[in-house]
N, C-alpha and C. Protein backbone atom coordinates (compact mmCIF):
# COMPACT_ATOMS: atom_id res chain seq x y z
N MET A 1 67.54 -111.28 112.77
CA MET A 1 68.83 -110.77 113.01
C MET A 1 68.63 -110.02 114.46
N ARG A 2 69.67 -110.21 115.27
CA ARG A 2 69.70 -109.42 116.49
C ARG A 2 69.96 -107.93 116.22
N ASN A 3 69.13 -107.14 116.76
CA ASN A 3 69.24 -105.62 116.44
C ASN A 3 69.90 -104.80 117.36
N PHE A 4 69.87 -105.08 118.64
CA PHE A 4 70.41 -104.40 119.73
C PHE A 4 71.28 -105.37 120.56
N ASN A 5 72.30 -104.90 121.18
CA ASN A 5 73.29 -105.72 122.20
C ASN A 5 73.60 -104.84 123.42
N HIS A 6 72.56 -104.43 124.08
CA HIS A 6 72.78 -103.62 125.28
C HIS A 6 73.58 -102.46 125.10
N PRO A 7 73.18 -101.51 124.22
CA PRO A 7 74.09 -100.37 123.96
C PRO A 7 74.30 -99.47 125.06
N TYR A 8 73.42 -99.34 126.01
CA TYR A 8 73.53 -98.38 127.15
C TYR A 8 74.54 -98.85 128.22
N CYS A 9 75.13 -100.14 127.88
CA CYS A 9 76.16 -100.61 128.75
C CYS A 9 77.44 -100.40 128.07
N SER A 10 77.60 -99.61 127.05
CA SER A 10 78.86 -99.41 126.24
C SER A 10 79.75 -98.58 127.07
N ARG A 11 81.11 -98.75 126.91
CA ARG A 11 82.13 -98.06 127.56
C ARG A 11 82.72 -96.93 126.68
N SER A 12 82.28 -96.89 125.34
CA SER A 12 82.65 -95.80 124.51
C SER A 12 81.62 -95.55 123.52
N ILE A 13 81.82 -94.43 122.67
CA ILE A 13 80.81 -94.08 121.63
C ILE A 13 80.97 -95.06 120.63
N ALA A 14 82.16 -95.47 120.23
CA ALA A 14 82.37 -96.47 119.07
C ALA A 14 81.64 -97.72 119.46
N GLU A 15 81.87 -98.19 120.68
CA GLU A 15 81.23 -99.50 121.10
C GLU A 15 79.69 -99.30 121.13
N PHE A 16 79.15 -98.15 121.56
CA PHE A 16 77.74 -97.90 121.50
C PHE A 16 77.20 -98.05 120.21
N TRP A 17 77.75 -97.49 119.11
CA TRP A 17 77.20 -97.65 117.86
C TRP A 17 77.45 -98.90 117.28
N LYS A 18 78.40 -99.76 117.67
CA LYS A 18 78.60 -101.12 117.23
C LYS A 18 77.45 -102.03 117.92
N ARG A 19 76.92 -101.58 119.06
CA ARG A 19 75.88 -102.34 119.66
C ARG A 19 74.46 -101.79 119.28
N TRP A 20 74.31 -100.65 118.86
CA TRP A 20 72.95 -99.99 118.71
C TRP A 20 72.52 -100.40 117.24
N HIS A 21 71.33 -100.78 117.10
CA HIS A 21 70.57 -101.02 115.82
C HIS A 21 71.46 -101.65 114.85
N ILE A 22 71.84 -102.71 115.12
CA ILE A 22 72.92 -103.41 114.22
C ILE A 22 72.51 -103.50 112.65
N SER A 23 71.27 -103.82 112.48
CA SER A 23 70.77 -103.93 111.02
C SER A 23 70.84 -102.54 110.41
N TYR A 24 70.49 -101.49 111.29
CA TYR A 24 70.68 -100.14 110.75
C TYR A 24 71.98 -99.78 110.12
N LEU A 25 73.00 -100.18 111.01
CA LEU A 25 74.43 -99.93 110.65
C LEU A 25 74.87 -100.53 109.40
N LEU A 26 74.28 -101.69 108.97
CA LEU A 26 74.48 -102.37 107.77
C LEU A 26 74.05 -101.41 106.63
N GLY A 27 72.98 -100.69 106.80
CA GLY A 27 72.43 -99.82 105.91
C GLY A 27 73.22 -98.59 105.71
N LEU A 28 73.91 -98.16 106.72
CA LEU A 28 74.85 -96.96 106.64
C LEU A 28 76.08 -97.22 105.83
N GLY A 29 76.32 -98.57 105.69
CA GLY A 29 77.48 -98.92 104.90
C GLY A 29 77.23 -98.51 103.35
N LEU A 30 76.06 -98.27 103.05
CA LEU A 30 75.69 -97.80 101.69
C LEU A 30 76.39 -96.43 101.44
N PHE A 31 76.63 -95.60 102.50
CA PHE A 31 77.22 -94.27 102.36
C PHE A 31 78.78 -94.39 102.62
N TYR A 32 78.99 -95.19 103.82
CA TYR A 32 80.37 -95.17 104.30
C TYR A 32 81.28 -95.89 103.38
N ILE A 33 80.93 -97.02 102.93
CA ILE A 33 81.86 -97.85 102.01
C ILE A 33 82.19 -97.07 100.74
N PRO A 34 81.19 -96.58 99.95
CA PRO A 34 81.63 -95.82 98.74
C PRO A 34 82.49 -94.66 98.93
N LEU A 35 82.44 -94.03 100.14
CA LEU A 35 83.32 -92.90 100.41
C LEU A 35 84.79 -93.33 100.64
N GLY A 36 84.97 -94.63 100.86
CA GLY A 36 86.32 -95.18 101.07
C GLY A 36 86.38 -95.85 102.36
N GLY A 37 85.41 -95.71 103.17
CA GLY A 37 85.54 -96.41 104.53
C GLY A 37 86.64 -95.94 105.28
N ARG A 38 87.33 -97.05 105.81
CA ARG A 38 88.56 -96.69 106.60
C ARG A 38 89.85 -96.93 105.86
N ARG A 39 89.70 -97.19 104.49
CA ARG A 39 90.86 -97.57 103.64
C ARG A 39 91.27 -96.29 103.05
N VAL A 40 91.39 -95.24 103.74
CA VAL A 40 91.79 -93.92 103.21
C VAL A 40 92.67 -93.19 104.32
N ALA A 41 93.32 -92.08 103.91
CA ALA A 41 94.05 -91.35 104.91
C ALA A 41 93.10 -90.95 106.10
N VAL A 42 93.78 -90.79 107.14
CA VAL A 42 93.06 -90.41 108.49
C VAL A 42 92.14 -89.30 108.25
N PRO A 43 92.48 -88.09 107.80
CA PRO A 43 91.73 -87.02 107.73
C PRO A 43 90.40 -87.29 106.77
N ARG A 44 90.51 -88.04 105.69
CA ARG A 44 89.41 -88.53 104.79
C ARG A 44 88.56 -89.43 105.62
N TRP A 45 89.05 -90.43 106.47
CA TRP A 45 88.38 -91.28 107.25
C TRP A 45 87.64 -90.56 108.24
N TYR A 46 88.10 -89.53 108.90
CA TYR A 46 87.22 -88.73 109.73
C TYR A 46 86.10 -88.01 109.09
N PHE A 47 86.37 -87.52 107.83
CA PHE A 47 85.22 -86.97 107.09
C PHE A 47 84.22 -87.93 106.75
N ASN A 48 84.76 -89.13 106.39
CA ASN A 48 83.65 -90.22 106.04
C ASN A 48 82.69 -90.50 107.19
N LEU A 49 83.39 -90.70 108.42
CA LEU A 49 82.70 -90.97 109.63
C LEU A 49 81.52 -89.81 109.85
N PHE A 50 82.07 -88.58 109.73
CA PHE A 50 81.26 -87.40 110.05
C PHE A 50 80.08 -87.27 109.07
N PHE A 51 80.42 -87.44 107.80
CA PHE A 51 79.39 -87.37 106.68
C PHE A 51 78.30 -88.53 106.83
N THR A 52 78.83 -89.69 107.20
CA THR A 52 77.87 -90.78 107.41
C THR A 52 76.91 -90.53 108.56
N PHE A 53 77.52 -89.89 109.64
CA PHE A 53 76.47 -89.52 110.83
C PHE A 53 75.56 -88.44 110.43
N LEU A 54 76.03 -87.44 109.61
CA LEU A 54 75.23 -86.34 109.02
C LEU A 54 74.01 -87.03 108.30
N VAL A 55 74.42 -87.85 107.47
CA VAL A 55 73.29 -88.56 106.58
C VAL A 55 72.36 -89.32 107.37
N SER A 56 72.84 -90.00 108.49
CA SER A 56 71.97 -90.70 109.48
C SER A 56 71.05 -89.73 110.14
N GLY A 57 71.51 -88.45 110.51
CA GLY A 57 70.57 -87.54 111.01
C GLY A 57 69.51 -87.16 110.19
N LEU A 58 69.92 -86.88 108.92
CA LEU A 58 68.89 -86.57 107.80
C LEU A 58 67.96 -87.66 107.54
N TRP A 59 68.49 -88.87 107.64
CA TRP A 59 67.64 -90.12 107.47
C TRP A 59 66.43 -90.07 108.54
N HIS A 60 66.86 -89.75 109.75
CA HIS A 60 65.86 -89.81 110.81
C HIS A 60 64.79 -88.68 110.74
N GLY A 61 65.14 -87.64 110.10
CA GLY A 61 64.13 -86.55 109.88
C GLY A 61 64.83 -85.34 109.23
N ALA A 62 64.07 -84.68 108.31
CA ALA A 62 64.59 -83.48 107.64
C ALA A 62 64.40 -82.25 108.64
N ASN A 63 65.11 -82.25 109.66
CA ASN A 63 64.90 -81.22 110.64
C ASN A 63 66.29 -80.82 111.22
N TRP A 64 66.53 -79.60 111.51
CA TRP A 64 67.93 -79.17 112.14
C TRP A 64 68.32 -79.99 113.33
N THR A 65 67.37 -80.43 114.19
CA THR A 65 67.65 -81.15 115.42
C THR A 65 68.27 -82.40 114.97
N TYR A 66 67.79 -82.99 113.98
CA TYR A 66 68.41 -84.36 113.63
C TYR A 66 69.82 -84.17 112.90
N VAL A 67 69.94 -83.11 112.22
CA VAL A 67 71.27 -82.81 111.56
C VAL A 67 72.35 -82.44 112.76
N ILE A 68 71.86 -81.79 113.73
CA ILE A 68 72.75 -81.43 114.79
C ILE A 68 72.99 -82.80 115.70
N TRP A 69 72.09 -83.59 115.74
CA TRP A 69 72.21 -85.01 116.45
C TRP A 69 73.26 -85.73 115.70
N GLY A 70 73.23 -85.83 114.35
CA GLY A 70 74.15 -86.59 113.50
C GLY A 70 75.52 -85.89 113.59
N ALA A 71 75.60 -84.49 113.61
CA ALA A 71 76.88 -83.84 113.67
C ALA A 71 77.46 -84.14 114.93
N LEU A 72 76.71 -84.12 116.01
CA LEU A 72 77.26 -84.35 117.50
C LEU A 72 77.82 -85.67 117.61
N ASN A 73 77.09 -86.65 117.15
CA ASN A 73 77.56 -88.16 117.22
C ASN A 73 78.76 -88.25 116.31
N GLY A 74 78.81 -87.66 115.14
CA GLY A 74 80.12 -87.72 114.32
C GLY A 74 81.18 -87.12 115.07
N PHE A 75 80.89 -85.96 115.69
CA PHE A 75 82.12 -85.31 116.41
C PHE A 75 82.51 -86.25 117.52
N TYR A 76 81.58 -86.86 118.30
CA TYR A 76 81.93 -87.74 119.45
C TYR A 76 82.84 -88.89 118.91
N ILE A 77 82.46 -89.51 117.95
CA ILE A 77 83.29 -90.71 117.48
C ILE A 77 84.62 -90.23 116.89
N ILE A 78 84.79 -89.25 116.23
CA ILE A 78 85.96 -88.73 115.65
C ILE A 78 86.95 -88.33 116.78
N PHE A 79 86.29 -87.60 117.77
CA PHE A 79 87.13 -87.14 118.96
C PHE A 79 87.62 -88.41 119.75
N GLU A 80 86.86 -89.37 119.92
CA GLU A 80 87.17 -90.74 120.53
C GLU A 80 88.38 -91.32 119.77
N TYR A 81 88.28 -91.44 118.45
CA TYR A 81 89.34 -92.07 117.76
C TYR A 81 90.66 -91.22 117.73
N ALA A 82 90.44 -89.82 117.60
CA ALA A 82 91.60 -88.99 117.57
C ALA A 82 92.40 -88.91 118.91
N THR A 83 91.74 -89.09 120.05
CA THR A 83 92.38 -88.92 121.36
C THR A 83 92.49 -90.26 122.02
N PHE A 84 92.38 -91.38 121.31
CA PHE A 84 92.44 -92.63 121.98
C PHE A 84 93.68 -92.91 122.68
N ASN A 85 94.83 -92.71 122.04
CA ASN A 85 96.13 -92.98 122.74
C ASN A 85 96.36 -92.05 123.97
N PHE A 86 95.93 -90.69 123.88
CA PHE A 86 96.10 -89.86 124.85
C PHE A 86 95.34 -90.28 126.21
N TRP A 87 94.14 -90.71 125.96
CA TRP A 87 93.19 -91.22 127.10
C TRP A 87 93.88 -92.67 127.72
N LYS A 88 94.40 -93.42 126.86
CA LYS A 88 94.92 -94.67 127.24
C LYS A 88 96.16 -94.45 128.15
N ASN A 89 96.95 -93.48 127.63
CA ASN A 89 98.11 -93.26 128.40
C ASN A 89 97.82 -92.58 129.70
N LEU A 90 96.79 -91.73 129.74
CA LEU A 90 96.36 -91.05 131.03
C LEU A 90 95.96 -91.97 132.03
N VAL A 91 95.10 -92.92 131.55
CA VAL A 91 94.50 -93.86 132.41
C VAL A 91 95.62 -94.78 133.08
N LYS A 92 96.64 -95.10 132.40
CA LYS A 92 97.82 -95.76 132.82
C LYS A 92 98.71 -95.01 133.91
N LYS A 93 98.79 -93.69 133.52
CA LYS A 93 99.67 -92.67 134.20
C LYS A 93 99.00 -92.51 135.55
N ILE A 94 97.77 -92.40 135.69
CA ILE A 94 97.08 -92.09 137.04
C ILE A 94 96.57 -93.47 137.61
N ALA A 95 96.93 -94.61 137.04
CA ALA A 95 96.64 -95.93 137.57
C ALA A 95 95.22 -96.19 137.68
N LEU A 96 94.43 -95.65 136.87
CA LEU A 96 92.86 -95.97 136.96
C LEU A 96 92.65 -97.31 136.49
N ASP A 97 93.55 -97.90 135.68
CA ASP A 97 93.32 -99.26 135.22
C ASP A 97 93.54 -100.26 136.32
N ARG A 98 93.94 -99.89 137.43
CA ARG A 98 94.05 -100.86 138.61
C ARG A 98 92.75 -100.90 139.42
N PHE A 99 91.74 -100.13 138.90
CA PHE A 99 90.52 -100.21 139.58
C PHE A 99 89.43 -100.49 138.34
N PRO A 100 89.39 -101.64 137.82
CA PRO A 100 88.66 -101.88 136.65
C PRO A 100 87.19 -101.64 136.84
N LYS A 101 86.67 -101.99 137.97
CA LYS A 101 85.10 -101.84 138.05
C LYS A 101 84.78 -100.25 138.05
N PHE A 102 85.56 -99.49 138.80
CA PHE A 102 85.36 -98.07 138.90
C PHE A 102 85.61 -97.45 137.50
N TYR A 103 86.70 -97.76 136.86
CA TYR A 103 86.97 -97.33 135.53
C TYR A 103 85.88 -97.71 134.55
N ASN A 104 85.35 -98.93 134.61
CA ASN A 104 84.20 -99.23 133.73
C ASN A 104 83.03 -98.42 134.03
N ALA A 105 82.70 -98.24 135.23
CA ALA A 105 81.53 -97.43 135.66
C ALA A 105 81.73 -95.98 135.19
N VAL A 106 82.83 -95.40 135.27
CA VAL A 106 83.12 -94.08 134.72
C VAL A 106 82.89 -94.02 133.19
N CYS A 107 83.43 -94.97 132.50
CA CYS A 107 83.34 -95.06 130.99
C CYS A 107 81.89 -95.22 130.62
N VAL A 108 81.14 -96.01 131.18
CA VAL A 108 79.71 -96.33 130.82
C VAL A 108 78.90 -95.08 131.24
N SER A 109 79.23 -94.57 132.39
CA SER A 109 78.44 -93.24 132.71
C SER A 109 78.66 -92.06 131.77
N LEU A 110 80.03 -91.94 131.36
CA LEU A 110 80.30 -90.80 130.47
C LEU A 110 79.75 -91.11 129.11
N THR A 111 79.74 -92.26 128.62
CA THR A 111 79.13 -92.69 127.32
C THR A 111 77.68 -92.37 127.33
N PHE A 112 76.96 -92.89 128.45
CA PHE A 112 75.51 -92.76 128.59
C PHE A 112 75.19 -91.21 128.51
N SER A 113 75.96 -90.47 129.31
CA SER A 113 75.67 -89.02 129.34
C SER A 113 75.86 -88.34 128.00
N LEU A 114 76.80 -88.64 127.25
CA LEU A 114 77.05 -88.08 125.89
C LEU A 114 75.97 -88.44 125.03
N VAL A 115 75.48 -89.84 125.17
CA VAL A 115 74.37 -90.18 124.18
C VAL A 115 73.03 -89.48 124.53
N CYS A 116 72.78 -89.43 125.82
CA CYS A 116 71.60 -88.67 126.30
C CYS A 116 71.58 -87.17 125.88
N PHE A 117 72.75 -86.55 126.01
CA PHE A 117 72.89 -85.15 125.66
C PHE A 117 72.59 -84.99 124.05
N ALA A 118 73.16 -85.90 123.35
CA ALA A 118 72.91 -85.77 121.83
C ALA A 118 71.43 -85.96 121.55
């Protein structure tokens, strides 16, 4: 099974996690799916995402740094989903989508910075 798909070239946190350690994400389904996955109301879905990332942090090590890492990544992905339409409209409003290479570079750089910070 292919395990990584150039995650550091991702344009968003959600895309990063879809590309990162693909076989590991199948294992996280053991927590995410029984909680209801995405087939629940939006607040519960956000909780499911956050809880799954917290468990992911604990799985990496029983240390507060890993719990913080999981919480931070959970926050990142929830923030991305919650503000998606706002950023999409802002990009159109300031015509950033007319410069796709620049826009892509900004997205990749921001995502890489967030991942490195976590």
